[in-house]
C-alpha atoms as a PDB file:
ATOM      1  CA  MET A   1      41.953 -33.207  12.288  1.00  0.00           C
ATOM      2  CA  PRO A   2      43.077 -34.108   8.689  1.00  0.00           C
ATOM      3  CA  HIS A   3      44.029 -31.330   6.480  1.00  0.00           C
ATOM      4  CA  ASP A   4      41.160 -32.089   3.982  1.00  0.00           C
ATOM      5  CA  LEU A   5      38.479 -32.061   6.744  1.00  0.00           C
ATOM      6  CA  ARG A   6      39.783 -28.751   8.178  1.00  0.00           C
ATOM      7  CA  ARG A   7      39.799 -27.053   4.659  1.00  0.00           C
ATOM      8  CA  ARG A   8      35.879 -28.096   4.257  1.00  0.00           C
ATOM      9  CA  ALA A   9      35.045 -27.014   7.826  1.00  0.00           C
ATOM     10  CA  GLN A  10      36.607 -23.708   7.073  1.00  0.00           C
ATOM     11  CA  ARG A  11      34.708 -23.403   3.840  1.00  0.00           C
ATOM     12  CA  ALA A  12      31.541 -24.181   5.556  1.00  0.00           C
ATOM     13  CA  LEU A  13      32.100 -21.446   8.244  1.00  0.00           C
ATOM     14  CA  SER A  14      33.164 -18.934   5.416  1.00  0.00           C
ATOM     15  CA  ALA A  15      29.985 -19.866   3.728  1.00  0.00           C
ATOM     16  CA  ALA A  16      27.794 -19.424   6.970  1.00  0.00           C
ATOM     17  CA  ALA A  17      29.535 -16.025   7.580  1.00  0.00           C
ATOM     18  CA  ILE A  18      28.753 -14.780   4.076  1.00  0.00           C
ATOM     19  CA  ALA A  19      25.222 -15.991   4.273  1.00  0.00           C
ATOM     20  CA  SER A  20      24.839 -14.287   7.582  1.00  0.00           C
ATOM     21  CA  ALA A  21      26.215 -11.030   6.298  1.00  0.00           C
ATOM     22  CA  VAL A  22      23.760 -11.134   3.411  1.00  0.00           C
ATOM     23  CA  VAL A  23      20.914 -11.728   5.738  1.00  0.00           C
ATOM     24  CA  PHE A  24      22.084  -8.887   8.099  1.00  0.00           C
ATOM     25  CA  ALA A  25      22.454  -6.364   5.143  1.00  0.00           C
ATOM     26  CA  ALA A  26      19.247  -7.115   3.744  1.00  0.00           C
ATOM     27  CA  GLY A  27      17.688  -6.478   7.075  1.00  0.00           C
ATOM     28  CA  CYS A  28      19.357  -3.287   7.370  1.00  0.00           C
ATOM     29  CA  ALA A  29      18.409  -2.200   4.115  1.00  0.00           C
ATOM     30  CA  SER A  30      15.874   0.654   4.478  1.00  0.00           C
ATOM     31  CA  ALA A  31      12.363   0.623   2.959  1.00  0.00           C
ATOM     32  CA  PRO A  32      11.113   3.614   0.942  1.00  0.00           C
ATOM     33  CA  GLU A  33       9.755   6.514   2.817  1.00  0.00           C
ATOM     34  CA  PRO A  34       7.655   9.508   1.303  1.00  0.00           C
ATOM     35  CA  ARG A  35      10.498  11.806   1.650  1.00  0.00           C
ATOM     36  CA  ASP A  36      12.652   9.713  -0.857  1.00  0.00           C
ATOM     37  CA  TYR A  37      10.186  11.207  -3.468  1.00  0.00           C
ATOM     38  CA  ALA A  38      10.218  14.627  -2.353  1.00  0.00           C
ATOM     39  CA  LYS A  39      11.672  15.963  -5.673  1.00  0.00           C
ATOM     40  CA  GLU A  40       9.351  13.876  -7.908  1.00  0.00           C
ATOM     41  CA  GLN A  41       6.947  15.637 -10.080  1.00  0.00           C
ATOM     42  CA  PRO A  42       4.057  16.360 -10.471  1.00  0.00           C
ATOM     43  CA  ARG A  43       3.483  17.183  -7.002  1.00  0.00           C
ATOM     44  CA  LEU A  44       0.642  15.210  -5.474  1.00  0.00           C
ATOM     45  CA  ASP A  45      -2.019  17.352  -4.029  1.00  0.00           C
ATOM     46  CA  PHE A  46      -4.201  14.645  -2.284  1.00  0.00           C
ATOM     47  CA  ARG A  47      -7.099  17.126  -1.489  1.00  0.00           C
ATOM     48  CA  GLN A  48      -7.275  18.518  -4.959  1.00  0.00           C
ATOM     49  CA  TYR A  49      -6.944  14.964  -6.716  1.00  0.00           C
ATOM     50  CA  PHE A  50      -9.679  13.553  -4.562  1.00  0.00           C
ATOM     51  CA  ASN A  51     -12.203  16.426  -4.851  1.00  0.00           C
ATOM     52  CA  GLY A  52     -14.931  15.499  -7.104  1.00  0.00           C
ATOM     53  CA  PRO A  53     -15.397  12.383  -9.255  1.00  0.00           C
ATOM     54  CA  VAL A  54     -12.576   9.833  -9.823  1.00  0.00           C
ATOM     55  CA  SER A  55     -12.782   6.294 -11.293  1.00  0.00           C
ATOM     56  CA  ALA A  56     -10.366   3.457 -10.948  1.00  0.00           C
ATOM     57  CA  GLN A  57      -9.606  -0.143 -12.285  1.00  0.00           C
ATOM     58  CA  GLY A  58      -7.844  -2.623 -10.172  1.00  0.00           C
ATOM     59  CA  LEU A  59      -6.925  -6.169  -9.263  1.00  0.00           C
ATOM     60  CA  PHE A  60      -5.917  -8.193  -6.274  1.00  0.00           C
ATOM     61  CA  THR A  61      -3.120 -10.754  -6.627  1.00  0.00           C
ATOM     62  CA  ASP A  62      -2.291 -13.367  -4.133  1.00  0.00           C
ATOM     63  CA  ARG A  63       1.219 -14.045  -2.800  1.00  0.00           C
ATOM     64  CA  ASP A  64       2.076 -16.136  -5.916  1.00  0.00           C
ATOM     65  CA  GLY A  65       1.102 -13.246  -8.274  1.00  0.00           C
ATOM     66  CA  ARG A  66      -2.109 -14.804  -9.488  1.00  0.00           C
ATOM     67  CA  VAL A  67      -4.870 -12.345 -10.092  1.00  0.00           C
ATOM     68  CA  VAL A  68      -7.686 -13.420  -7.633  1.00  0.00           C
ATOM     69  CA  LYS A  69     -10.167 -10.562  -8.346  1.00  0.00           C
ATOM     70  CA  ARG A  70     -10.692  -7.609 -10.499  1.00  0.00           C
ATOM     71  CA  PHE A  71     -12.631  -4.530  -9.771  1.00  0.00           C
ATOM     72  CA  SER A  72     -13.712  -1.123 -10.663  1.00  0.00           C
ATOM     73  CA  VAL A  73     -14.275   1.767  -8.251  1.00  0.00           C
ATOM     74  CA  ALA A  74     -16.558   4.984  -8.580  1.00  0.00           C
ATOM     75  CA  MET A  75     -15.473   7.470  -6.232  1.00  0.00           C
ATOM     76  CA  VAL A  76     -16.426  11.037  -5.119  1.00  0.00           C
ATOM     77  CA  GLY A  77     -14.569  13.251  -2.802  1.00  0.00           C
ATOM     78  CA  ARG A  78     -15.498  16.511  -1.079  1.00  0.00           C
ATOM     79  CA  TRP A  79     -13.530  18.725   1.158  1.00  0.00           C
ATOM     80  CA  GLU A  80     -14.516  21.542   3.601  1.00  0.00           C
ATOM     81  CA  GLY A  81     -11.311  23.031   5.028  1.00  0.00           C
ATOM     82  CA  ALA A  82      -9.198  20.171   6.392  1.00  0.00           C
ATOM     83  CA  GLN A  83     -12.048  17.792   6.440  1.00  0.00           C
ATOM     84  CA  GLY A  84     -12.829  15.500   3.541  1.00  0.00           C
ATOM     85  CA  VAL A  85     -15.178  12.648   2.768  1.00  0.00           C
ATOM     86  CA  LEU A  86     -14.277  10.195  -0.034  1.00  0.00           C
ATOM     87  CA  GLU A  87     -17.088   7.874  -0.996  1.00  0.00           C
ATOM     88  CA  GLU A  88     -15.800   4.678  -2.833  1.00  0.00           C
ATOM     89  CA  ASP A  89     -18.479   2.255  -4.645  1.00  0.00           C
ATOM     90  CA  PHE A  90     -16.649  -1.090  -5.685  1.00  0.00           C
ATOM     91  CA  THR A  91     -17.955  -3.511  -8.242  1.00  0.00           C
ATOM     92  CA  TYR A  92     -15.947  -6.962  -8.333  1.00  0.00           C
ATOM     93  CA  SER A  93     -15.406  -9.133 -11.218  1.00  0.00           C
ATOM     94  CA  ASP A  94     -17.791 -11.735  -9.453  1.00  0.00           C
ATOM     95  CA  GLY A  95     -20.628  -9.238  -9.213  1.00  0.00           C
ATOM     96  CA  THR A  96     -20.403  -8.450  -5.642  1.00  0.00           C
ATOM     97  CA  ARG A  97     -20.432  -4.738  -4.481  1.00  0.00           C
ATOM     98  CA  GLN A  98     -18.992  -2.918  -1.661  1.00  0.00           C
ATOM     99  CA  ARG A  99     -19.092   0.635  -0.391  1.00  0.00           C
ATOM    100  CA  ARG A 100     -16.544   2.360   1.781  1.00  0.00           C
ATOM    101  CA  VAL A 101     -16.826   5.869   3.129  1.00  0.00           C
ATOM    102  CA  TRP A 102     -13.601   7.512   4.147  1.00  0.00           C
ATOM    103  CA  ARG A 103     -13.671  10.418   6.721  1.00  0.00           C
ATOM    104  CA  LEU A 104     -10.429  12.262   6.033  1.00  0.00           C
ATOM    105  CA  THR A 105      -8.477  14.899   8.110  1.00  0.00           C
ATOM    106  CA  ASP A 106      -5.427  16.971   6.392  1.00  0.00           C
ATOM    107  CA  LEU A 107      -3.169  17.419   9.597  1.00  0.00           C
ATOM    108  CA  GLY A 108      -0.843  19.717   7.576  1.00  0.00           C
ATOM    109  CA  GLY A 109       2.769  19.128   6.523  1.00  0.00           C
ATOM    110  CA  GLY A 110       1.807  16.299   4.045  1.00  0.00           C
ATOM    111  CA  ARG A 111       0.352  14.434   6.861  1.00  0.00           C
ATOM    112  CA  PHE A 112      -3.302  12.844   6.724  1.00  0.00           C
ATOM    113  CA  GLU A 113      -5.611  10.717   8.906  1.00  0.00           C
ATOM    114  CA  GLY A 114      -8.510   8.609   7.636  1.00  0.00           C
ATOM    115  CA  ARG A 115     -11.268   6.600   9.188  1.00  0.00           C
ATOM    116  CA  ALA A 116     -13.776   4.291   7.586  1.00  0.00           C
ATOM    117  CA  ASP A 117     -16.162   1.559   9.091  1.00  0.00           C
ATOM    118  CA  ASP A 118     -13.825  -1.391   8.067  1.00  0.00           C
ATOM    119  CA  VAL A 119     -10.637   0.222   8.967  1.00  0.00           C
ATOM    120  CA  VAL A 120      -9.281  -0.684  12.557  1.00  0.00           C
ATOM    121  CA  GLY A 121      -8.375   2.452  14.270  1.00  0.00           C
ATOM    122  CA  VAL A 122      -6.947   5.273  12.102  1.00  0.00           C
ATOM    123  CA  ALA A 123      -5.225   5.276   8.705  1.00  0.00           C
ATOM    124  CA  LEU A 124      -2.083   7.316   8.702  1.00  0.00           C
ATOM    125  CA  GLY A 125      -0.998   8.936   5.515  1.00  0.00           C
ATOM    126  CA  GLU A 126       2.202  10.899   4.608  1.00  0.00           C
ATOM    127  CA  SER A 127       3.022  12.666   1.404  1.00  0.00           C
ATOM    128  CA  ALA A 128       5.968  13.972  -0.354  1.00  0.00           C
ATOM    129  CA  GLY A 129       6.533  14.899  -4.014  1.00  0.00           C
ATOM    130  CA  ASN A 130       4.490  12.626  -6.084  1.00  0.00           C
ATOM    131  CA  ALA A 131       4.001   9.975  -3.567  1.00  0.00           C
ATOM    132  CA  LEU A 132       1.512   9.333  -0.629  1.00  0.00           C
ATOM    133  CA  ARG A 133       1.765   6.417   1.839  1.00  0.00           C
ATOM    134  CA  TRP A 134      -1.013   5.184   3.743  1.00  0.00           C
ATOM    135  CA  ARG A 135      -0.602   2.629   6.656  1.00  0.00           C
ATOM    136  CA  TYR A 136      -3.724   0.994   8.341  1.00  0.00           C
ATOM    137  CA  THR A 137      -5.482  -2.214   9.213  1.00  0.00           C
ATOM    138  CA  LEU A 138      -8.340  -3.159   6.940  1.00  0.00           C
ATOM    139  CA  GLN A 139     -11.034  -5.726   7.898  1.00  0.00           C
ATOM    140  CA  VAL A 140     -11.316  -7.925   4.862  1.00  0.00           C
ATOM    141  CA  PRO A 141     -13.943 -10.739   4.390  1.00  0.00           C
ATOM    142  CA  VAL A 142     -12.382 -14.177   3.528  1.00  0.00           C
ATOM    143  CA  ASP A 143     -14.264 -17.285   3.394  1.00  0.00           C
ATOM    144  CA  GLY A 144     -17.114 -16.078   5.505  1.00  0.00           C
ATOM    145  CA  ARG A 145     -14.918 -14.708   8.265  1.00  0.00           C
ATOM    146  CA  ILE A 146     -13.418 -11.254   8.894  1.00  0.00           C
ATOM    147  CA  ILE A 147      -9.633 -10.939   8.954  1.00  0.00           C
ATOM    148  CA  ASP A 148      -7.601  -7.969   9.904  1.00  0.00           C
ATOM    149  CA  PHE A 149      -4.889  -7.206   7.406  1.00  0.00           C
ATOM    150  CA  GLN A 150      -2.176  -4.548   7.525  1.00  0.00           C
ATOM    151  CA  PHE A 151      -1.885  -2.460   4.430  1.00  0.00           C
ATOM    152  CA  ASP A 152       1.100  -0.565   3.353  1.00  0.00           C
ATOM    153  CA  ASP A 153      -0.366   1.482   0.634  1.00  0.00           C
ATOM    154  CA  TRP A 154       1.326   3.655  -1.983  1.00  0.00           C
ATOM    155  CA  MET A 155      -0.056   6.194  -4.390  1.00  0.00           C
ATOM    156  CA  TYR A 156       1.993   7.946  -7.203  1.00  0.00           C
ATOM    157  CA  GLN A 157       0.722  11.033  -9.213  1.00  0.00           C
ATOM    158  CA  MET A 158       1.722  10.311 -12.740  1.00  0.00           C
ATOM    159  CA  ASP A 159       0.067  13.188 -14.478  1.00  0.00           C
ATOM    160  CA  GLU A 160      -2.687  15.606 -13.664  1.00  0.00           C
ATOM    161  CA  ARG A 161      -5.367  12.736 -14.432  1.00  0.00           C
ATOM    162  CA  THR A 162      -3.694   9.703 -13.576  1.00  0.00           C
ATOM    163  CA  MET A 163      -2.608   8.153 -10.310  1.00  0.00           C
ATOM    164  CA  ILE A 164      -1.096   4.520  -9.717  1.00  0.00           C
ATOM    165  CA  ASN A 165      -1.794   2.900  -6.331  1.00  0.00           C
ATOM    166  CA  LYS A 166       0.023  -0.361  -5.048  1.00  0.00           C
ATOM    167  CA  ALA A 167      -0.710  -1.988  -1.554  1.00  0.00           C
ATOM    168  CA  ALA A 168       0.924  -4.806   0.040  1.00  0.00           C
ATOM    169  CA  MET A 169      -1.564  -6.766   2.318  1.00  0.00           C
ATOM    170  CA  ARG A 170       0.175  -8.513   5.420  1.00  0.00           C
ATOM    171  CA  LYS A 171      -0.662 -10.519   8.367  1.00  0.00           C
ATOM    172  CA  PHE A 172       1.857 -11.482  10.927  1.00  0.00           C
ATOM    173  CA  GLY A 173       4.399  -9.648   8.767  1.00  0.00           C
ATOM    174  CA  ILE A 174       3.796 -12.227   5.937  1.00  0.00           C
ATOM    175  CA  THR A 175       2.551 -10.864   2.664  1.00  0.00           C
ATOM    176  CA  PHE A 176      -0.538 -12.493   1.500  1.00  0.00           C
ATOM    177  CA  GLY A 177      -1.218 -10.390  -1.643  1.00  0.00           C
ATOM    178  CA  GLU A 178      -1.122  -6.991  -3.353  1.00  0.00           C
ATOM    179  CA  VAL A 179      -3.735  -4.597  -4.488  1.00  0.00           C
ATOM    180  CA  THR A 180      -3.043  -2.469  -7.676  1.00  0.00           C
ATOM    181  CA  LEU A 181      -5.146   0.325  -9.045  1.00  0.00           C
ATOM    182  CA  SER A 182      -5.033   2.910 -11.655  1.00  0.00           C
ATOM    183  CA  PHE A 183      -6.947   5.996 -10.956  1.00  0.00           C
ATOM    184  CA  LEU A 184      -8.272   8.426 -13.526  1.00  0.00           C
ATOM    185  CA  LYS A 185      -9.743  12.016 -13.024  1.00  0.00           C
ATOM    186  CA  PRO A 186     -12.003  13.280 -15.686  1.00  0.00           C
END
């Protein structure tokens, strides 16, 4: 093999090895967990924050970052012991309305369960510091069909009245969009 051809082959192999190492390292990078926020303040007290009225403004962006829909939400939460109900009334920018009623359980130790009519199975929540992460499958109407999307839903307490929520919406591991909300407690 000529010297020049051998050098090009070695460079190609080196480039492939570097690319493989980068892909491997990215695959090994750990995703955030609620415990990563354990020292953050103010501490999120989910039951206290969602007890009584709360309002929110939000938007849905597609995978390219385009705003597809804007919405507002009027919520009322009630807790009796470890059991809670959170009623959400959505009004979308196109005039459509939607209602979701969450039945919530505080499992202790910063862990929660939630159920709603359009949630497949059980939503699992975990809280630490100022953050709460929910994971669940939601049935979403799309072009006259219902599609099950997996949600990775993060809430961050900003101050006693404000919370920011960001949720990734996935199907088959592919992100199809994000939901962003700003909650405000009176």
